[in-house]
N, C-alpha and C. Protein backbone atom coordinates (compact mmCIF):
# COMPACT_ATOMS: atom_id res chain seq x y z
N UNK A 1 0.84 -1.17 0.00
CA UNK A 1 0.00 0.00 0.00
C UNK A 1 0.89 1.25 0.00
N UNK A 2 0.80 2.09 -0.98
CA UNK A 2 1.62 3.29 -1.04
C UNK A 2 1.08 4.40 -0.13
N UNK A 3 1.96 5.28 0.30
CA UNK A 3 1.58 6.40 1.16
C UNK A 3 0.92 7.49 0.33
N UNK A 4 -0.20 7.98 0.82
CA UNK A 4 -0.91 9.06 0.13
C UNK A 4 -0.52 10.43 0.68
N UNK A 5 0.30 10.45 1.72
CA UNK A 5 0.77 11.71 2.30
C UNK A 5 2.12 11.45 2.96
N UNK A 6 2.91 12.49 3.21
CA UNK A 6 4.18 12.27 3.91
C UNK A 6 3.96 11.62 5.29
N UNK A 7 2.92 12.05 6.00
CA UNK A 7 2.65 11.51 7.32
C UNK A 7 2.35 10.01 7.28
N UNK A 8 1.71 9.57 6.22
CA UNK A 8 1.34 8.16 6.12
C UNK A 8 2.57 7.27 5.95
N UNK A 9 3.67 7.81 5.48
CA UNK A 9 4.89 7.02 5.35
C UNK A 9 5.28 6.46 6.72
N UNK A 10 5.17 7.28 7.76
CA UNK A 10 5.52 6.84 9.12
C UNK A 10 4.61 5.69 9.57
N UNK A 11 3.32 5.81 9.29
CA UNK A 11 2.37 4.75 9.67
C UNK A 11 2.72 3.44 8.97
N UNK A 12 3.04 3.52 7.68
CA UNK A 12 3.39 2.32 6.93
C UNK A 12 4.71 1.73 7.41
N UNK A 13 5.68 2.60 7.72
CA UNK A 13 6.96 2.12 8.25
C UNK A 13 6.71 1.31 9.52
N UNK A 14 5.93 1.85 10.43
CA UNK A 14 5.63 1.16 11.69
C UNK A 14 4.95 -0.18 11.42
N UNK A 15 3.97 -0.19 10.53
CA UNK A 15 3.22 -1.41 10.20
C UNK A 15 4.12 -2.46 9.57
N UNK A 16 4.87 -2.08 8.54
CA UNK A 16 5.71 -3.04 7.83
C UNK A 16 6.84 -3.57 8.71
N UNK A 17 7.37 -2.72 9.57
CA UNK A 17 8.43 -3.16 10.47
C UNK A 17 7.88 -4.20 11.45
N UNK A 18 6.70 -3.94 12.03
CA UNK A 18 6.09 -4.88 12.98
C UNK A 18 5.78 -6.22 12.31
N UNK A 19 5.45 -6.17 11.02
CA UNK A 19 5.16 -7.39 10.26
C UNK A 19 6.43 -8.08 9.79
N UNK A 20 7.55 -7.39 9.87
CA UNK A 20 8.81 -7.95 9.37
C UNK A 20 8.84 -8.05 7.86
N UNK A 21 8.07 -7.22 7.18
CA UNK A 21 7.95 -7.26 5.71
C UNK A 21 8.96 -6.31 5.09
N UNK A 22 10.15 -6.81 4.85
CA UNK A 22 11.25 -5.99 4.35
C UNK A 22 10.95 -5.41 2.97
N UNK A 23 10.35 -6.18 2.08
CA UNK A 23 10.08 -5.68 0.73
C UNK A 23 9.06 -4.53 0.76
N UNK A 24 8.02 -4.67 1.57
CA UNK A 24 7.05 -3.59 1.71
C UNK A 24 7.71 -2.36 2.34
N UNK A 25 8.58 -2.60 3.30
CA UNK A 25 9.31 -1.53 3.97
C UNK A 25 10.15 -0.74 2.97
N UNK A 26 10.86 -1.45 2.11
CA UNK A 26 11.70 -0.79 1.11
C UNK A 26 10.87 -0.02 0.08
N UNK A 27 9.61 -0.44 -0.12
CA UNK A 27 8.76 0.22 -1.12
C UNK A 27 8.37 1.64 -0.70
N UNK A 28 8.53 1.99 0.58
CA UNK A 28 8.17 3.35 1.00
C UNK A 28 9.37 4.30 0.86
N UNK A 29 10.47 3.80 0.31
CA UNK A 29 11.65 4.62 0.04
C UNK A 29 11.76 4.85 -1.46
N UNK A 30 12.12 6.04 -1.84
CA UNK A 30 12.38 6.40 -3.22
C UNK A 30 13.55 5.55 -3.74
N UNK A 31 13.53 5.14 -5.00
CA UNK A 31 14.66 4.37 -5.54
C UNK A 31 16.00 5.08 -5.41
N UNK A 32 16.00 6.42 -5.33
CA UNK A 32 17.23 7.19 -5.20
C UNK A 32 17.50 7.58 -3.74
N UNK A 33 16.86 6.92 -2.80
CA UNK A 33 16.95 7.28 -1.39
C UNK A 33 18.38 7.23 -0.86
N UNK A 34 18.67 8.14 0.06
CA UNK A 34 19.92 8.12 0.81
C UNK A 34 19.58 8.15 2.29
N UNK A 35 20.41 7.49 3.08
CA UNK A 35 20.15 7.29 4.50
C UNK A 35 21.46 7.42 5.25
N UNK A 36 21.46 8.25 6.27
CA UNK A 36 22.65 8.43 7.08
C UNK A 36 22.53 7.53 8.31
N UNK A 37 23.42 6.53 8.42
CA UNK A 37 23.31 5.60 9.54
C UNK A 37 23.96 6.17 10.79
N UNK A 38 23.90 5.42 11.88
CA UNK A 38 24.38 5.90 13.18
C UNK A 38 25.86 6.28 13.15
N UNK A 39 26.66 5.59 12.36
CA UNK A 39 28.09 5.90 12.30
C UNK A 39 28.41 7.05 11.35
N UNK A 40 27.37 7.61 10.71
CA UNK A 40 27.57 8.74 9.82
C UNK A 40 27.84 8.35 8.38
N UNK A 41 27.74 7.08 8.08
CA UNK A 41 27.96 6.57 6.73
C UNK A 41 26.67 6.73 5.91
N UNK A 42 26.80 7.21 4.69
CA UNK A 42 25.65 7.38 3.81
C UNK A 42 25.41 6.07 3.07
N UNK A 43 24.18 5.58 3.19
CA UNK A 43 23.75 4.38 2.45
C UNK A 43 22.86 4.86 1.32
N UNK A 44 23.08 4.32 0.13
CA UNK A 44 22.33 4.78 -1.04
C UNK A 44 21.48 3.69 -1.63
N UNK A 45 20.30 4.09 -2.10
CA UNK A 45 19.40 3.19 -2.78
C UNK A 45 18.79 2.16 -1.85
N UNK A 46 17.90 1.38 -2.41
CA UNK A 46 17.20 0.39 -1.59
C UNK A 46 18.12 -0.72 -1.09
N UNK A 47 19.17 -1.04 -1.84
CA UNK A 47 20.10 -2.06 -1.36
C UNK A 47 20.85 -1.58 -0.13
N UNK A 48 21.28 -0.33 -0.14
CA UNK A 48 21.94 0.23 1.04
C UNK A 48 21.01 0.28 2.23
N UNK A 49 19.76 0.62 1.99
CA UNK A 49 18.76 0.65 3.06
C UNK A 49 18.50 -0.75 3.60
N UNK A 50 18.47 -1.71 2.71
CA UNK A 50 18.23 -3.11 3.11
C UNK A 50 19.23 -3.52 4.19
N UNK A 51 20.49 -3.18 4.00
CA UNK A 51 21.53 -3.54 4.97
C UNK A 51 21.23 -2.96 6.35
N UNK A 52 20.70 -1.75 6.38
CA UNK A 52 20.40 -1.08 7.64
C UNK A 52 19.12 -1.59 8.30
N UNK A 53 18.14 -1.95 7.49
CA UNK A 53 16.82 -2.30 8.01
C UNK A 53 16.64 -3.78 8.33
N UNK A 54 17.44 -4.66 7.73
CA UNK A 54 17.28 -6.10 7.95
C UNK A 54 17.27 -6.49 9.43
N UNK A 55 18.21 -6.01 10.26
CA UNK A 55 18.20 -6.43 11.66
C UNK A 55 16.90 -6.07 12.38
N UNK A 56 16.34 -4.91 12.08
CA UNK A 56 15.09 -4.50 12.72
C UNK A 56 13.90 -5.29 12.18
N UNK A 57 13.83 -5.44 10.87
CA UNK A 57 12.71 -6.16 10.27
C UNK A 57 12.71 -7.63 10.68
N UNK A 58 13.88 -8.26 10.73
CA UNK A 58 13.93 -9.67 11.11
C UNK A 58 13.55 -9.88 12.58
N UNK A 59 13.69 -8.83 13.39
CA UNK A 59 13.31 -8.91 14.80
C UNK A 59 11.87 -8.42 15.01
N UNK A 60 11.17 -8.08 13.92
CA UNK A 60 9.83 -7.51 14.01
C UNK A 60 9.81 -6.37 15.04
N UNK A 61 10.75 -5.47 14.89
CA UNK A 61 10.93 -4.37 15.83
C UNK A 61 9.65 -3.55 15.97
N UNK A 62 9.39 -3.11 17.18
CA UNK A 62 8.21 -2.31 17.47
C UNK A 62 8.62 -0.84 17.49
N UNK A 63 8.15 -0.09 16.50
CA UNK A 63 8.44 1.34 16.37
C UNK A 63 7.19 2.14 16.74
N UNK A 64 7.40 3.28 17.34
CA UNK A 64 6.33 4.23 17.54
C UNK A 64 6.87 5.60 17.15
N UNK A 65 6.01 6.51 16.80
CA UNK A 65 6.48 7.80 16.31
C UNK A 65 5.55 8.92 16.72
N UNK A 66 6.12 10.10 16.71
CA UNK A 66 5.37 11.33 16.90
C UNK A 66 5.91 12.33 15.89
N UNK A 67 5.08 12.69 14.94
CA UNK A 67 5.50 13.66 13.93
C UNK A 67 5.45 15.04 14.57
N UNK A 68 6.61 15.69 14.61
CA UNK A 68 6.71 17.00 15.24
C UNK A 68 6.36 18.12 14.27
N UNK A 69 6.74 17.94 13.00
CA UNK A 69 6.47 18.99 12.02
C UNK A 69 6.65 18.44 10.62
N UNK A 70 5.80 18.88 9.71
CA UNK A 70 5.95 18.60 8.28
C UNK A 70 5.87 19.93 7.56
N UNK A 71 6.88 20.21 6.76
CA UNK A 71 6.92 21.44 5.98
C UNK A 71 6.95 21.00 4.52
N UNK A 72 5.90 21.35 3.78
CA UNK A 72 5.78 20.89 2.40
C UNK A 72 5.86 22.05 1.43
N UNK A 73 6.59 21.82 0.34
CA UNK A 73 6.65 22.76 -0.76
C UNK A 73 6.54 21.94 -2.04
N UNK A 74 5.39 22.02 -2.66
CA UNK A 74 5.17 21.25 -3.89
C UNK A 74 5.30 19.76 -3.64
N UNK A 75 6.24 19.13 -4.35
CA UNK A 75 6.41 17.68 -4.29
C UNK A 75 7.45 17.23 -3.27
N UNK A 76 7.90 18.15 -2.41
CA UNK A 76 8.93 17.84 -1.41
C UNK A 76 8.37 18.17 -0.03
N UNK A 77 8.65 17.31 0.95
CA UNK A 77 8.23 17.57 2.33
C UNK A 77 9.39 17.28 3.27
N UNK A 78 9.63 18.21 4.18
CA UNK A 78 10.63 18.04 5.23
C UNK A 78 9.88 17.60 6.48
N UNK A 79 10.34 16.49 7.07
CA UNK A 79 9.66 15.92 8.23
C UNK A 79 10.59 15.87 9.44
N UNK A 80 10.05 16.26 10.58
CA UNK A 80 10.74 16.13 11.87
C UNK A 80 9.94 15.13 12.68
N UNK A 81 10.54 14.02 13.04
CA UNK A 81 9.82 12.94 13.70
C UNK A 81 10.61 12.37 14.86
N UNK A 82 9.94 12.17 15.97
CA UNK A 82 10.52 11.49 17.13
C UNK A 82 10.12 10.03 17.04
N UNK A 83 11.12 9.15 16.98
CA UNK A 83 10.89 7.71 16.88
C UNK A 83 11.34 7.02 18.16
N UNK A 84 10.58 6.02 18.58
CA UNK A 84 10.97 5.17 19.70
C UNK A 84 10.87 3.73 19.23
N UNK A 85 11.92 2.98 19.49
CA UNK A 85 11.94 1.56 19.17
C UNK A 85 11.92 0.84 20.51
N UNK A 86 10.93 -0.04 20.71
CA UNK A 86 10.83 -0.71 22.01
C UNK A 86 11.34 -2.15 21.96
N UNK A 87 11.64 -2.65 20.81
CA UNK A 87 12.28 -3.97 20.72
C UNK A 87 13.01 -4.05 19.39
N UNK A 88 14.09 -4.75 19.25
CA UNK A 88 14.70 -5.66 20.22
C UNK A 88 15.38 -4.95 21.39
N UNK A 89 15.76 -3.67 21.23
CA UNK A 89 16.29 -2.89 22.34
C UNK A 89 15.63 -1.52 22.28
N UNK A 90 15.53 -0.86 23.41
CA UNK A 90 14.86 0.43 23.47
C UNK A 90 15.82 1.54 23.06
N UNK A 91 15.42 2.29 22.04
CA UNK A 91 16.16 3.48 21.63
C UNK A 91 15.15 4.55 21.23
N UNK A 92 15.57 5.78 21.31
CA UNK A 92 14.73 6.90 20.89
C UNK A 92 15.59 7.82 20.05
N UNK A 93 15.07 8.21 18.90
CA UNK A 93 15.82 9.08 18.00
C UNK A 93 14.92 10.19 17.47
N UNK A 94 15.54 11.29 17.13
CA UNK A 94 14.86 12.41 16.48
C UNK A 94 15.32 12.40 15.04
N UNK A 95 14.41 12.14 14.13
CA UNK A 95 14.76 11.99 12.72
C UNK A 95 14.36 13.22 11.91
N UNK A 96 15.21 13.54 10.97
CA UNK A 96 14.88 14.52 9.94
C UNK A 96 14.84 13.76 8.63
N UNK A 97 13.71 13.84 7.96
CA UNK A 97 13.52 13.08 6.72
C UNK A 97 12.96 14.00 5.64
N UNK A 98 13.27 13.67 4.42
CA UNK A 98 12.71 14.38 3.28
C UNK A 98 11.92 13.36 2.47
N UNK A 99 10.68 13.70 2.19
CA UNK A 99 9.82 12.85 1.37
C UNK A 99 9.60 13.53 0.02
N UNK A 100 9.40 12.69 -1.00
CA UNK A 100 9.15 13.23 -2.35
C UNK A 100 7.91 12.57 -2.92
N UNK A 101 7.04 13.42 -3.52
CA UNK A 101 5.85 12.88 -4.19
C UNK A 101 6.30 12.22 -5.49
N UNK A 102 5.80 11.03 -5.71
CA UNK A 102 6.13 10.27 -6.91
C UNK A 102 5.21 10.69 -8.06
N UNK A 103 5.51 10.26 -9.25
CA UNK A 103 4.71 10.63 -10.42
C UNK A 103 3.26 10.18 -10.31
N UNK A 104 3.02 9.08 -9.58
CA UNK A 104 1.65 8.58 -9.42
C UNK A 104 0.90 9.25 -8.26
N UNK A 105 1.53 10.26 -7.62
CA UNK A 105 0.88 10.99 -6.54
C UNK A 105 1.15 10.44 -5.15
N UNK A 106 1.80 9.28 -5.05
CA UNK A 106 2.12 8.72 -3.75
C UNK A 106 3.41 9.34 -3.22
N UNK A 107 3.72 9.09 -1.95
CA UNK A 107 4.88 9.68 -1.30
C UNK A 107 5.86 8.60 -0.85
N UNK A 108 7.16 8.90 -0.98
CA UNK A 108 8.23 8.02 -0.51
C UNK A 108 9.29 8.87 0.18
N UNK A 109 10.00 8.24 1.12
CA UNK A 109 11.13 8.94 1.72
C UNK A 109 12.28 8.99 0.73
N UNK A 110 12.91 10.14 0.63
CA UNK A 110 14.05 10.34 -0.25
C UNK A 110 15.35 10.44 0.53
N UNK A 111 15.31 11.15 1.66
CA UNK A 111 16.50 11.34 2.50
C UNK A 111 16.11 11.05 3.94
N UNK A 112 16.93 10.27 4.62
CA UNK A 112 16.67 9.96 6.02
C UNK A 112 17.90 10.20 6.88
N UNK A 113 17.70 10.95 7.94
CA UNK A 113 18.75 11.17 8.94
C UNK A 113 18.12 10.92 10.31
N UNK A 114 18.02 9.63 10.70
CA UNK A 114 17.37 9.32 11.97
C UNK A 114 18.23 9.62 13.19
N UNK A 115 19.46 9.98 13.00
CA UNK A 115 20.35 10.28 14.12
C UNK A 115 20.85 11.71 14.01
N UNK A 116 19.90 12.63 13.74
CA UNK A 116 20.25 14.02 13.45
C UNK A 116 20.80 14.75 14.66
N UNK A 117 21.44 15.87 14.38
CA UNK A 117 22.00 16.72 15.43
C UNK A 117 20.92 17.18 16.39
N UNK A 118 19.74 17.47 15.87
CA UNK A 118 18.66 17.93 16.76
C UNK A 118 18.39 16.90 17.85
N UNK A 119 18.40 15.64 17.51
CA UNK A 119 18.19 14.60 18.50
C UNK A 119 19.35 14.46 19.45
N UNK A 120 20.56 14.77 18.99
CA UNK A 120 21.73 14.64 19.84
C UNK A 120 21.80 15.75 20.88
N UNK A 121 21.05 16.83 20.68
CA UNK A 121 21.07 17.90 21.66
C UNK A 121 20.11 17.64 22.82
N UNK A 122 19.20 16.69 22.67
CA UNK A 122 18.15 16.54 23.66
C UNK A 122 18.18 15.28 24.53
N UNK A 123 18.96 14.25 24.26
CA UNK A 123 18.86 13.05 25.08
C UNK A 123 19.24 13.31 26.53
N UNK A 124 18.71 12.46 27.42
CA UNK A 124 18.93 12.63 28.85
C UNK A 124 20.39 12.63 29.24
N UNK A 125 21.24 11.90 28.53
CA UNK A 125 22.64 11.86 28.93
C UNK A 125 23.34 13.20 28.71
N UNK A 126 22.69 14.12 28.00
CA UNK A 126 23.26 15.45 27.80
C UNK A 126 22.58 16.51 28.64
N UNK A 127 21.58 16.09 29.41
CA UNK A 127 20.85 17.05 30.22
C UNK A 127 21.14 16.84 31.69
N UNK A 128 21.39 17.91 32.40
CA UNK A 128 21.55 17.87 33.84
C UNK A 128 20.26 18.38 34.45
N UNK A 129 19.85 17.78 35.56
CA UNK A 129 18.68 18.27 36.26
C UNK A 129 19.18 19.16 37.39
N UNK A 130 18.71 20.38 37.41
CA UNK A 130 19.13 21.33 38.43
C UNK A 130 17.91 21.82 39.20
N UNK A 131 18.12 22.16 40.42
CA UNK A 131 17.03 22.64 41.26
C UNK A 131 17.06 24.16 41.29
N UNK A 132 15.93 24.74 41.10
CA UNK A 132 15.79 26.20 41.12
C UNK A 132 15.85 26.68 42.56
N UNK A 133 16.59 27.75 42.82
CA UNK A 133 16.72 28.28 44.18
C UNK A 133 15.41 28.86 44.72
N UNK A 134 14.63 29.48 43.84
CA UNK A 134 13.40 30.11 44.31
C UNK A 134 12.22 29.15 44.44
N UNK A 135 12.27 28.03 43.74
CA UNK A 135 11.18 27.04 43.84
C UNK A 135 11.79 25.64 43.81
N UNK A 136 12.35 25.20 44.93
CA UNK A 136 13.08 23.94 44.98
C UNK A 136 12.22 22.70 44.70
N UNK A 137 10.90 22.86 44.71
CA UNK A 137 10.05 21.69 44.42
C UNK A 137 10.05 21.35 42.93
N UNK A 138 10.53 22.24 42.09
CA UNK A 138 10.58 21.96 40.66
C UNK A 138 12.03 21.80 40.22
N UNK A 139 12.22 21.10 39.15
CA UNK A 139 13.55 20.92 38.57
C UNK A 139 13.53 21.38 37.13
N UNK A 140 14.60 21.97 36.70
CA UNK A 140 14.76 22.37 35.31
C UNK A 140 15.68 21.39 34.63
N UNK A 141 15.40 21.10 33.38
CA UNK A 141 16.30 20.26 32.59
C UNK A 141 17.15 21.22 31.78
N UNK A 142 18.44 21.12 31.91
CA UNK A 142 19.37 22.09 31.37
C UNK A 142 20.49 21.34 30.68
N UNK A 143 20.75 21.67 29.45
CA UNK A 143 21.79 20.94 28.74
C UNK A 143 23.16 21.54 28.97
N UNK A 144 24.13 20.67 29.11
CA UNK A 144 25.53 21.08 29.12
C UNK A 144 26.19 20.23 28.05
N UNK A 145 25.89 20.56 26.83
CA UNK A 145 26.32 19.73 25.70
C UNK A 145 27.83 19.54 25.74
N UNK A 146 28.23 18.38 26.20
CA UNK A 146 29.64 18.10 26.45
C UNK A 146 30.46 17.87 25.18
N UNK A 147 29.80 17.81 24.04
CA UNK A 147 30.55 17.62 22.79
C UNK A 147 31.06 18.94 22.22
N UNK A 148 30.59 20.06 22.72
CA UNK A 148 31.02 21.35 22.20
C UNK A 148 32.28 21.79 22.91
N UNK A 149 33.16 22.42 22.20
CA UNK A 149 34.45 22.85 22.77
C UNK A 149 34.60 24.36 22.80
N UNK A 150 33.51 25.07 22.84
CA UNK A 150 33.61 26.52 22.86
C UNK A 150 32.73 27.10 23.97
N UNK A 151 32.55 28.38 23.96
CA UNK A 151 31.82 29.05 25.03
C UNK A 151 30.33 28.72 25.05
N UNK A 152 29.84 28.05 24.00
CA UNK A 152 28.42 27.68 23.97
C UNK A 152 28.18 26.35 24.66
N UNK A 153 29.08 25.89 25.51
CA UNK A 153 28.98 24.56 26.09
C UNK A 153 27.84 24.40 27.08
N UNK A 154 27.16 25.47 27.42
CA UNK A 154 25.96 25.32 28.25
C UNK A 154 25.01 26.46 27.93
N UNK A 155 23.80 26.32 28.39
CA UNK A 155 22.89 27.43 28.22
C UNK A 155 21.55 27.12 27.62
N UNK A 156 21.29 25.93 27.15
CA UNK A 156 19.97 25.62 26.64
C UNK A 156 19.08 25.24 27.80
N UNK A 157 17.98 25.95 27.98
CA UNK A 157 17.05 25.62 29.03
C UNK A 157 15.82 25.02 28.42
N UNK A 158 15.40 23.90 28.94
CA UNK A 158 14.22 23.21 28.39
C UNK A 158 13.06 23.26 29.34
């Protein structure tokens, strides 16, 4: 079943992954798709994606998602999505994806960056919990992004 909207791609991804249907999963990607894996290596085309997706599909991984934003211009859509995988191991990622409308009007992912910088700024291991002096019953989550080597090493308040 092809996606009729960029948002529906996420629903189909979740469904096909839970079913372990690798061929259906690959069908929601554009033939020219590129994917940035966790190590920063670019995988191209459906064969490159196959290598990345096989371990999850064979485990019938359980994915859940929350679409944060879709920005569409003509036949291109930029998607910001929070993904959670609950099996085979629990992980949470913030993905930036680009979808492209196909000639038949359906949508496929063209570019995927599930390990984007935006997600790397927010995980709990980068956030310190601090207690406010004026209201000690509440805690603020405050990032001290330890990967930065300049004066911007702290200061994001969430």
